[in-house]
Each structure stands twice: as C-alpha cells, then as structure tokens.
C-alpha cells in the first residue's frame, strides 16, 4: 500500500487524536527503524519507552511466536503457565508479594487506586479515601488517572472528575505534610516525573514521604510505568531512593512491544483485593506474558549496569553538544533543555527529516531509547542531532534578525 493511501485511510477512519509525523514505520532492528521507502532512523524513543530490548529482539520474537503456536488467549477463569511464571519472576525481582495483570499503565494505576481505597476503607472506614499525588505528575488518560494527574492541561473538557485526589508540590515537604489528613489512604508518586519534564524527585523529599507513610499507615504507591523495568539503570527507579513501596505499577517496557500493565502488591496490600474485586479480560494474556518473561530474563545485574553506563555516556555526550543548556534524568530516561528560543517540538520534527526519532516532555527533548542501544548508535544519532540543533539555531537567528529589521 502506498504511503499516500495509508494517510488517506487514517484521516477517514481513525479518530484524530494523534499529531502523526509524516512517516510510515515499516520495520526495525535494535535501535534502528526503517520506513516504507527504506530510509533508516536512529530511534531514541523505543515506542515511548516500550521496546525495551529494541526492535525484533530474537529471543523475544521466538518466545512470542512459540506461544502463539500453542495458545493465544484464554480467560482468567483458567491457569496458564506464562502468567504464573511472569508473576513469580516479577515478585522475585522486586521483593513484592503478588501481581495483578492488566493491559496498560493507566489500567495498572486504576488498579493501584482501587487497592489503596479498599485498604483504607477496610482498616479505617470509607472516609479514608484520599490519594495525594504531585503537581506536574502524570498517571494516565482514563477519567480516574486523569484526576490523579497533577497537571491542569490534561483536565480541560473532561470533567467532572472523580473526587478524592489532592495535589502536593513536588520536593516541598511542608506542602506535602499540610496535605496529609485523616482521609489520606495513599501517596502516589513517580520517582522521575516523565511527562512533567524528566524531573527526578529529591531524596530528602522521598525520605519524608516514606516516613509519613510509615507513621500514619498510609500506602506508598510508586508509578513505575515509564521509569521501571531497567529504564533508569535499576529494575525499579525507587531502588535509587531506597524506598519500599506498598504498591508498584508497571507497563510500557515490561511487554517489550506488546500491551501489558501490572500492579505489584507488597506485604501490606497482598490480600487487599479479593474475589471479584478487580478483573481484566485480556490481563495476563499468555502471548504477552511470554514476551515479558524474556524481558525480565534479560534484566540481570550485568544488563542493568550496562544501562546505567550507557545512560551516563548518553548524558555526558548530550551535554557536550552546542545549543544544549542542560540534561536531567536517570539512566536511559533523559531530558534535554535546548538553548533559549529553540522549541522541543520543532527539534523533534526536524530530527525525523534528518534520521532520528525523539520525543518531547514539556520544554525538553526527551530520550527513551531501547535499553540495548549501542554507543555507536548513540554517536550516530547525536551527530544528526547536532546538525538539527545547528539548523534550528540558524533559523531562530534569521527570524530574530528579520524581526529586528
């Protein structure tokens, strides 16, 4: 099918919710994507943090194909080996006790919200239902997870929202303490705010959260949808902070390219959800779980050390580029603040024309490459990025000069 036909079908039949780039992704290997014309691109996005092992990882592909040959789907009214194996691996990897499987990060966060409120209700009564999240957070696009998201930009046109969410300023211990009340059942955080601009929380702040939760029997919920599964150089980003969460949510990179969400329960919450309290038709699908098992198997200590090393290399290389003001983040989850006047969205679009995939996060250019990206691929991609930044700066200076005249 010609690209023009693909775009016509998209415009006619698909809901217009995405600002698609003018490119038809056709195939890929590792950190390189190929479009329908055969042009290659260095991918610094991994499908927004999903393709953790890159495109067409051989072990992952074999596992998925093998499971498809045996059983593509069965309901959760039956047992399947891949789901049980994955649950065991996740609990062993994280120190958590049990897992509920869904299909996305938003679904996982919905499960966490339900669990937190049931825990509060079971122990203290139905009035214990408020969840504190952080200003500038992002937890999903369902109605409840939008309500949990601490950004007004996501709240327009979709109200009324469910009650029971209170927003505290990130890294402001006094504000957090002021928001805690007898109604608080949980505090829900991202250790590195992703959509909010790749902003790591301060350790003193997360220590204060942990102390409050321990003192008042408030659940600590950590949204690891974007930060988890090795993205920051640890399997969970909360490991950098020494945190022991009561609930962890995962998605994105866990499936390696197929849709999955997971809610992990600690000792306090492992028995909170009982028969029929929650469910998912597709959750724990055997094909998806088979792929996720290969992702988890890859995440040994050596692999995670390599992610940390590659992330440090990428960060230092980015800092050396002209027209870069600063770099934030951890591991292979990085945000680049471009020089004053340069616009992240424009850099992304120009980058595609020159052969690199990038993302935005607020005013920053966001990097979420495959965890397997090589230093050679990074060097090739950043050479292109430097060219793009130079062109964007030249265009900005020309526009400023024209305005001055």
Protein backbone atom coordinates (compact mmCIF):
# COMPACT_ATOMS: atom_id res chain seq x y z
CA UNK A 1 0.00 0.00 0.00
CA UNK A 2 1.32 3.45 -0.93
CA UNK A 3 2.03 5.91 1.91
CA UNK A 4 -0.50 8.34 0.46
CA UNK A 5 -3.19 5.64 0.73
CA UNK A 6 -2.23 4.89 4.34
CA UNK A 7 -2.60 8.55 5.28
CA UNK A 8 -5.93 8.79 3.50
CA UNK A 9 -7.29 5.79 5.39
CA UNK A 10 -6.03 7.21 8.67
CA UNK A 11 -7.74 10.53 8.06
CA UNK A 12 -11.00 8.87 7.07
CA UNK A 13 -11.28 6.03 9.58
CA UNK A 14 -9.09 6.67 12.64
CA UNK A 15 -10.02 9.10 15.43
CA UNK A 16 -7.95 12.24 15.02
CA UNK A 17 -6.23 12.11 18.43
CA UNK A 18 -2.58 11.93 17.33
CA UNK A 19 -0.35 14.51 15.68
CA UNK A 20 1.30 11.88 13.49
CA UNK A 21 4.66 12.52 11.89
CA UNK A 22 4.88 12.19 8.13
CA UNK A 23 6.46 8.74 8.18
CA UNK A 24 5.24 5.15 7.81
CA UNK A 25 7.25 2.89 10.10
CA UNK A 26 7.77 -0.39 8.29
CA UNK A 27 10.39 -2.48 10.11
CA UNK A 28 13.22 -2.27 12.59
CA UNK A 29 16.17 -3.98 14.22
CA UNK A 30 17.62 -2.99 17.57
CA UNK A 31 17.61 0.81 17.75
CA UNK A 32 17.13 1.35 14.01
CA UNK A 33 13.73 1.84 12.40
CA UNK A 34 13.10 1.68 8.65
CA UNK A 35 10.27 3.46 6.84
CA UNK A 36 8.35 2.30 3.77
CA UNK A 37 10.87 3.90 1.41
CA UNK A 38 13.82 2.14 3.06
CA UNK A 39 15.17 5.18 4.93
CA UNK A 40 16.76 4.36 8.29
CA UNK A 41 16.35 6.23 11.57
CA UNK A 42 18.15 6.03 14.92
CA UNK A 43 15.36 5.51 17.45
CA UNK A 44 15.72 7.42 20.73
CA UNK A 45 12.07 6.75 21.67
CA UNK A 46 11.53 2.94 21.78
CA UNK A 47 7.83 3.47 21.17
CA UNK A 48 7.67 5.84 24.19
CA UNK A 49 9.67 3.53 26.42
CA UNK A 50 8.04 0.28 25.29
CA UNK A 51 10.58 -1.54 23.09
CA UNK A 52 12.95 -2.12 25.99
CA UNK A 53 15.01 -4.70 24.08
CA UNK A 54 14.75 -2.82 20.78
CA UNK A 55 13.02 -3.88 17.59
CA UNK A 56 12.72 -7.62 16.83
CA UNK A 57 14.90 -8.92 19.65
CA UNK A 58 15.43 -12.59 18.61
CA UNK A 59 14.70 -14.21 22.00
CA UNK A 60 11.59 -12.08 22.48
CA UNK A 61 10.31 -12.81 18.96
CA UNK A 62 10.89 -16.56 19.39
CA UNK A 63 9.05 -16.62 22.72
CA UNK A 64 6.04 -14.76 21.31
CA UNK A 65 5.90 -16.92 18.18
CA UNK A 66 6.18 -20.12 20.19
CA UNK A 67 3.33 -19.12 22.49
CA UNK A 68 1.15 -18.15 19.51
CA UNK A 69 1.59 -21.68 18.19
CA UNK A 70 0.18 -23.07 21.43
CA UNK A 71 -2.40 -20.72 22.95
CA UNK A 72 -3.12 -17.10 22.04
CA UNK A 73 -5.77 -16.39 24.66
CA UNK A 74 -7.83 -17.96 27.42
CA UNK A 75 -9.76 -16.15 30.15
CA UNK A 76 -8.54 -15.71 33.70
CA UNK A 77 -11.02 -18.36 34.76
CA UNK A 78 -8.18 -20.77 33.89
CA UNK A 79 -4.48 -21.06 34.72
CA UNK A 80 -1.74 -20.50 32.15
CA UNK A 81 1.96 -21.20 32.63
CA UNK A 82 3.31 -17.90 31.18
CA UNK A 83 1.22 -15.76 33.54
CA UNK A 84 2.30 -17.67 36.63
CA UNK A 85 5.95 -17.71 35.54
CA UNK A 86 5.93 -13.96 34.91
CA UNK A 87 4.29 -13.24 38.27
CA UNK A 88 6.96 -15.29 40.05
CA UNK A 89 9.79 -13.53 38.18
CA UNK A 90 8.38 -10.09 38.97
CA UNK A 91 7.98 -10.83 42.66
CA UNK A 92 11.47 -12.29 42.89
CA UNK A 93 12.92 -9.32 41.02
CA UNK A 94 11.20 -6.64 43.10
CA UNK A 95 10.64 -8.17 46.52
CA UNK A 96 6.90 -7.62 46.14
CA UNK A 97 4.42 -10.38 47.03
CA UNK A 98 1.69 -10.62 44.39
CA UNK A 99 0.75 -9.27 40.95
CA UNK A 100 -2.42 -8.27 39.13
CA UNK A 101 -2.11 -8.11 35.34
CA UNK A 102 -3.87 -5.63 33.06
CA UNK A 103 -3.16 -4.12 29.67
CA UNK A 104 -1.67 -0.64 30.13
CA UNK A 105 -0.13 1.84 32.51
CA UNK A 106 -3.42 3.66 33.05
CA UNK A 107 -5.08 0.34 33.88
CA UNK A 108 -2.31 -0.51 36.32
CA UNK A 109 -2.74 2.85 38.03
CA UNK A 110 -6.50 2.36 38.19
CA UNK A 111 -5.82 -0.94 39.96
CA UNK A 112 -3.49 0.80 42.38
CA UNK A 113 -6.10 3.47 43.13
CA UNK A 114 -8.80 0.86 43.79
CA UNK A 115 -6.47 -1.13 46.03
CA UNK A 116 -5.41 1.93 48.03
CA UNK A 117 -9.00 2.96 48.65
CA UNK A 118 -10.07 -0.54 49.63
CA UNK A 119 -7.15 -0.80 52.05
CA UNK A 120 -8.17 2.49 53.64
CA UNK A 121 -11.83 1.52 53.79
CA UNK A 122 -11.17 -1.96 55.19
CA UNK A 123 -8.97 -0.67 58.02
CA UNK A 124 -10.35 2.78 58.81
CA UNK A 125 -13.73 3.19 57.10
CA UNK A 126 -14.94 4.61 53.77
CA UNK A 127 -13.90 8.16 54.65
CA UNK A 128 -10.23 7.10 54.30
CA UNK A 129 -10.21 7.54 50.51
CA UNK A 130 -7.98 10.44 49.51
CA UNK A 131 -4.83 9.92 47.47
CA UNK A 132 -2.11 12.56 47.40
CA UNK A 133 -0.32 12.90 44.06
CA UNK A 134 2.18 15.51 42.94
CA UNK A 135 1.81 18.67 40.92
CA UNK A 136 3.29 18.02 37.46
CA UNK A 137 2.66 14.27 37.72
CA UNK A 138 1.15 12.06 35.01
CA UNK A 139 -0.69 8.82 35.75
CA UNK A 140 -2.80 8.07 32.66
CA UNK A 141 -5.69 9.14 30.44
CA UNK A 142 -8.69 7.36 31.93
CA UNK A 143 -11.02 9.58 33.96
CA UNK A 144 -9.66 8.43 37.32
CA UNK A 145 -5.99 8.54 36.31
CA UNK A 146 -6.52 11.96 34.73
CA UNK A 147 -7.92 13.08 38.07
CA UNK A 148 -4.79 11.67 39.71
CA UNK A 149 -2.59 13.57 37.24
CA UNK A 150 -1.43 16.86 38.71
CA UNK A 151 -1.45 18.92 35.51
CA UNK A 152 -4.31 21.27 34.61
CA UNK A 153 -3.56 20.94 30.90
CA UNK A 154 -4.91 17.36 30.97
CA UNK A 155 -8.08 18.31 32.86
CA UNK A 156 -9.74 20.52 30.25
CA UNK A 157 -13.08 19.40 28.76
CA UNK A 158 -13.36 16.05 30.56
CA UNK A 159 -14.97 16.94 33.90
CA UNK A 160 -16.49 16.27 36.27
CA UNK A 161 -13.67 14.16 37.64
CA UNK A 162 -13.84 11.65 40.49
CA UNK A 163 -13.16 13.20 43.87
CA UNK A 164 -10.53 12.04 46.29
CA UNK A 165 -7.28 13.36 44.81
CA UNK A 166 -5.14 16.05 46.46
CA UNK A 167 -2.05 17.56 44.81
CA UNK A 168 1.15 18.45 46.68
CA UNK A 169 4.10 20.33 45.24
CA UNK A 170 7.00 18.07 44.32
CA UNK A 171 10.06 18.40 46.59
CA UNK A 172 8.10 20.58 49.05
CA UNK A 173 7.96 18.63 52.31
CA UNK A 174 5.96 21.29 54.16
CA UNK A 175 3.28 21.36 51.46
CA UNK A 176 3.08 17.57 51.45
CA UNK A 177 2.69 17.45 55.23
CA UNK A 178 -0.06 20.07 55.03
CA UNK A 179 -2.00 17.94 52.55
CA UNK A 180 -1.96 14.79 54.71
CA UNK A 181 -5.13 14.24 56.73
CA UNK A 182 -7.20 11.52 58.38
CA UNK A 183 -8.72 10.96 54.91
CA UNK A 184 -5.38 10.11 53.27
CA UNK A 185 -5.11 6.46 52.25
CA UNK A 186 -2.11 6.71 49.90
CA UNK A 187 0.62 8.91 48.44
CA UNK A 188 1.28 8.17 44.77
CA UNK A 189 4.47 9.35 43.06
CA UNK A 190 6.77 8.97 40.08
CA UNK A 191 10.39 8.98 41.26
CA UNK A 192 11.25 10.71 37.98
CA UNK A 193 8.39 12.78 36.62
CA UNK A 194 8.21 11.76 32.96
CA UNK A 195 5.58 13.69 31.03
CA UNK A 196 6.22 16.51 33.51
CA UNK A 197 9.70 17.15 32.11
CA UNK A 198 12.06 14.32 33.20
CA UNK A 199 12.47 15.69 36.71
CA UNK A 200 13.89 13.37 39.41
CA UNK A 201 12.50 13.83 42.90
CA UNK A 202 14.89 14.86 45.66
CA UNK A 203 15.89 12.07 48.04
CA UNK A 204 15.09 14.18 51.10
CA UNK A 205 11.54 14.52 49.77
CA UNK A 206 11.07 10.80 49.11
CA UNK A 207 12.51 10.06 52.57
CA UNK A 208 9.89 12.37 54.07
CA UNK A 209 7.15 10.61 52.11
CA UNK A 210 8.32 7.21 53.33
CA UNK A 211 8.41 8.44 56.95
CA UNK A 212 4.89 9.89 56.75
CA UNK A 213 3.54 6.70 55.21
CA UNK A 214 5.16 4.53 57.87
CA UNK A 215 3.98 6.73 60.74
CA UNK A 216 0.36 7.06 59.62
CA UNK A 217 -0.21 3.70 57.88
CA UNK A 218 -0.58 5.47 54.54
CA UNK A 219 0.24 3.39 51.48
CA UNK A 220 3.22 4.36 49.36
CA UNK A 221 2.29 3.85 45.69
CA UNK A 222 5.03 4.25 43.10
CA UNK A 223 4.12 4.66 39.45
CA UNK A 224 6.94 2.91 37.58
CA UNK A 225 5.09 2.79 34.25
CA UNK A 226 7.77 4.81 32.49
CA UNK A 227 10.63 4.55 34.98
CA UNK A 228 10.50 0.81 35.64
CA UNK A 229 11.91 -2.34 34.01
CA UNK A 230 15.50 -1.13 33.88
CA UNK A 231 14.84 2.29 32.37
CA UNK A 232 16.88 4.21 34.97
CA UNK A 233 19.65 1.63 35.41
CA UNK A 234 17.84 -0.16 38.24
CA UNK A 235 14.94 -2.54 37.70
CA UNK A 236 12.75 -0.04 39.59
CA UNK A 237 13.60 3.63 39.87
CA UNK A 238 12.62 3.61 43.55
CA UNK A 239 15.72 1.48 44.20
CA UNK A 240 17.80 4.63 43.67
CA UNK A 241 15.95 6.12 46.66
CA UNK A 242 15.93 3.09 48.96
CA UNK A 243 12.13 3.06 49.01
CA UNK A 244 9.99 0.05 49.92
CA UNK A 245 6.62 0.73 48.25
CA UNK A 246 3.34 -0.92 49.19
CA UNK A 247 2.16 -0.86 45.57
CA UNK A 248 4.14 -0.56 42.33
CA UNK A 249 2.69 -0.15 38.85
CA UNK A 250 4.45 -1.29 35.67
CA UNK A 251 3.65 -1.24 31.95
CA UNK A 252 5.47 0.11 28.85
CA UNK A 253 8.86 -1.67 28.77
CA UNK A 254 7.56 -4.76 30.60
CA UNK A 255 5.94 -6.20 27.47
CA UNK A 256 8.88 -5.41 25.19
CA UNK A 257 6.46 -4.32 22.47
CA UNK A 258 3.13 -5.89 23.43
CA UNK A 259 0.50 -4.27 25.70
CA UNK A 260 0.69 -5.15 29.39
CA UNK A 261 0.16 -3.49 32.75
CA UNK A 262 0.92 -4.86 36.20
CA UNK A 263 0.09 -3.90 39.76
CA UNK A 264 2.57 -5.31 42.28
CA UNK A 265 1.48 -5.64 45.90
CA UNK A 266 3.71 -5.57 48.97
CA UNK A 267 3.15 -7.26 52.30
CA UNK A 268 0.53 -4.73 53.45
CA UNK A 269 -1.57 -4.96 50.31
CA UNK A 270 -1.09 -8.52 49.08
CA UNK A 271 -4.53 -9.61 50.38
CA UNK A 272 -6.44 -6.35 49.89
CA UNK A 273 -8.13 -7.36 46.67
CA UNK A 274 -10.31 -10.43 46.98
CA UNK A 275 -12.60 -12.47 44.75
CA UNK A 276 -14.28 -10.28 42.09
CA UNK A 277 -12.81 -7.03 43.48
CA UNK A 278 -10.99 -6.46 40.19
CA UNK A 279 -10.57 -8.12 36.82
CA UNK A 280 -9.43 -7.85 33.20
CA UNK A 281 -10.48 -9.90 30.19
CA UNK A 282 -7.10 -9.65 28.48
CA UNK A 283 -4.91 -9.17 31.56
CA UNK A 284 -2.15 -11.76 31.78
CA UNK A 285 -2.60 -12.82 28.18
CA UNK A 286 -0.22 -15.77 27.59
CA UNK A 287 1.39 -14.35 24.45
CA UNK A 288 2.11 -11.01 26.10
CA UNK A 289 3.38 -12.73 29.24
CA UNK A 290 5.68 -14.96 27.16
CA UNK A 291 7.29 -11.83 25.70
CA UNK A 292 7.50 -10.16 29.10
CA UNK A 293 9.27 -13.20 30.56
CA UNK A 294 12.08 -12.71 28.03
CA UNK A 295 12.32 -9.04 29.01
CA UNK A 296 12.66 -9.93 32.70
CA UNK A 297 15.19 -12.67 31.96
CA UNK A 298 17.37 -10.11 30.18
CA UNK A 299 17.38 -7.78 33.20
CA UNK A 300 20.24 -9.32 35.16
CA UNK A 301 22.81 -7.28 37.06
CA UNK A 302 25.18 -7.04 34.13
CA UNK A 303 22.41 -5.76 31.84
CA UNK A 304 21.26 -3.13 34.34
CA UNK A 305 24.84 -1.98 34.89
CA UNK A 306 25.17 -1.56 31.13
CA UNK A 307 22.01 0.59 31.07
CA UNK A 308 23.48 2.83 33.78
CA UNK A 309 26.77 3.06 31.91
CA UNK A 310 25.14 3.76 28.55
CA UNK A 311 22.85 6.33 30.18
CA UNK A 312 25.84 8.14 31.69
CA UNK A 313 27.57 8.08 28.31
CA UNK A 314 24.48 9.49 26.58
CA UNK A 315 24.03 12.21 29.21
CA UNK A 316 27.67 13.34 29.02
CA UNK A 317 27.58 13.27 25.21
CA UNK A 318 24.43 15.38 25.16
CA UNK A 319 25.97 17.96 27.49
CA UNK A 320 28.82 18.43 25.01
CA UNK A 321 26.51 19.39 22.14
CA UNK A 322 26.19 23.02 21.10
CA UNK A 323 22.86 24.68 21.95
CA UNK A 324 22.14 22.39 24.91
CA UNK A 325 21.52 24.13 28.26
CA UNK A 326 21.23 21.08 30.47
CA UNK A 327 20.36 17.41 30.85
CA UNK A 328 18.13 15.83 33.52
CA UNK A 329 17.04 12.29 34.34
CA UNK A 330 18.49 8.92 35.24
CA UNK A 331 19.83 6.03 33.15
CA UNK A 332 18.25 5.98 29.71
CA UNK A 333 15.42 8.32 30.68
CA UNK A 334 16.82 11.76 29.89
CA UNK A 335 15.51 15.23 29.15
CA UNK A 336 17.47 17.85 27.22
CA UNK A 337 16.76 21.54 27.75
CA UNK A 338 17.65 23.25 24.45
CA UNK A 339 19.10 26.73 24.19
CA UNK A 340 16.77 29.67 24.78
CA UNK A 341 14.40 30.17 21.87
CA UNK A 342 14.68 26.66 20.50
CA UNK A 343 11.44 24.66 20.61
CA UNK A 344 11.49 20.98 21.51
CA UNK A 345 8.62 20.10 19.17
CA UNK A 346 10.38 21.69 16.22
CA UNK A 347 13.61 19.85 17.04
CA UNK A 348 11.70 16.56 17.03
CA UNK A 349 10.12 17.25 13.63
CA UNK A 350 13.39 18.39 12.06
CA UNK A 351 15.11 15.37 13.60
CA UNK A 352 12.79 12.98 11.79
CA UNK A 353 13.63 14.61 8.47
CA UNK A 354 17.32 14.01 9.17
CA UNK A 355 17.06 10.47 10.51
CA UNK A 356 16.43 10.40 14.29
CA UNK A 357 13.35 9.78 16.43
CA UNK A 358 12.99 11.96 19.54
CA UNK A 359 10.21 12.85 21.98
CA UNK A 360 9.18 15.90 23.96
CA UNK A 361 8.46 16.39 27.65
CA UNK A 362 7.24 19.92 28.34
CA UNK A 363 10.02 22.23 27.04
CA UNK A 364 12.57 19.43 26.86
CA UNK A 365 13.60 16.94 24.21
CA UNK A 366 13.04 13.51 25.76
CA UNK A 367 15.25 10.45 25.25
CA UNK A 368 13.85 6.95 25.93
CA UNK A 369 15.98 4.77 23.64
CA UNK A 370 15.96 0.98 23.68
CA UNK A 371 17.93 -0.24 26.69
CA UNK A 372 20.10 -2.17 24.23
CA UNK A 373 21.19 0.87 22.20
CA UNK A 374 24.91 0.83 21.43
CA UNK A 375 27.38 3.68 21.86
CA UNK A 376 27.95 3.68 18.10
CA UNK A 377 24.22 4.17 17.55
CA UNK A 378 24.24 6.96 20.13
CA UNK A 379 27.19 8.65 18.42
CA UNK A 380 25.50 8.41 15.01
CA UNK A 381 22.25 9.78 16.39
CA UNK A 382 23.85 12.65 18.26
CA UNK A 383 25.83 13.69 15.20
CA UNK A 384 22.48 14.09 13.47
CA UNK A 385 21.06 15.90 16.50
CA UNK A 386 23.93 18.40 16.46
CA UNK A 387 23.17 19.13 12.82
CA UNK A 388 19.50 19.59 13.69
CA UNK A 389 20.28 21.92 16.59
CA UNK A 390 22.54 23.98 14.35
CA UNK A 391 19.81 24.32 11.74
CA UNK A 392 17.21 25.25 14.36
CA UNK A 393 19.52 27.89 15.81
CA UNK A 394 20.28 29.31 12.37
CA UNK A 395 16.55 29.56 11.64
CA UNK A 396 15.94 31.24 15.01
CA UNK A 397 18.71 33.78 14.48
CA UNK A 398 17.45 34.54 10.96
CA UNK A 399 13.93 35.11 12.30
CA UNK A 400 15.23 37.37 15.08
CA UNK A 401 17.28 39.36 12.61
CA UNK A 402 14.27 39.79 10.31
CA UNK A 403 12.11 40.93 13.24
CA UNK A 404 14.77 43.44 14.32
CA UNK A 405 14.79 44.98 10.86
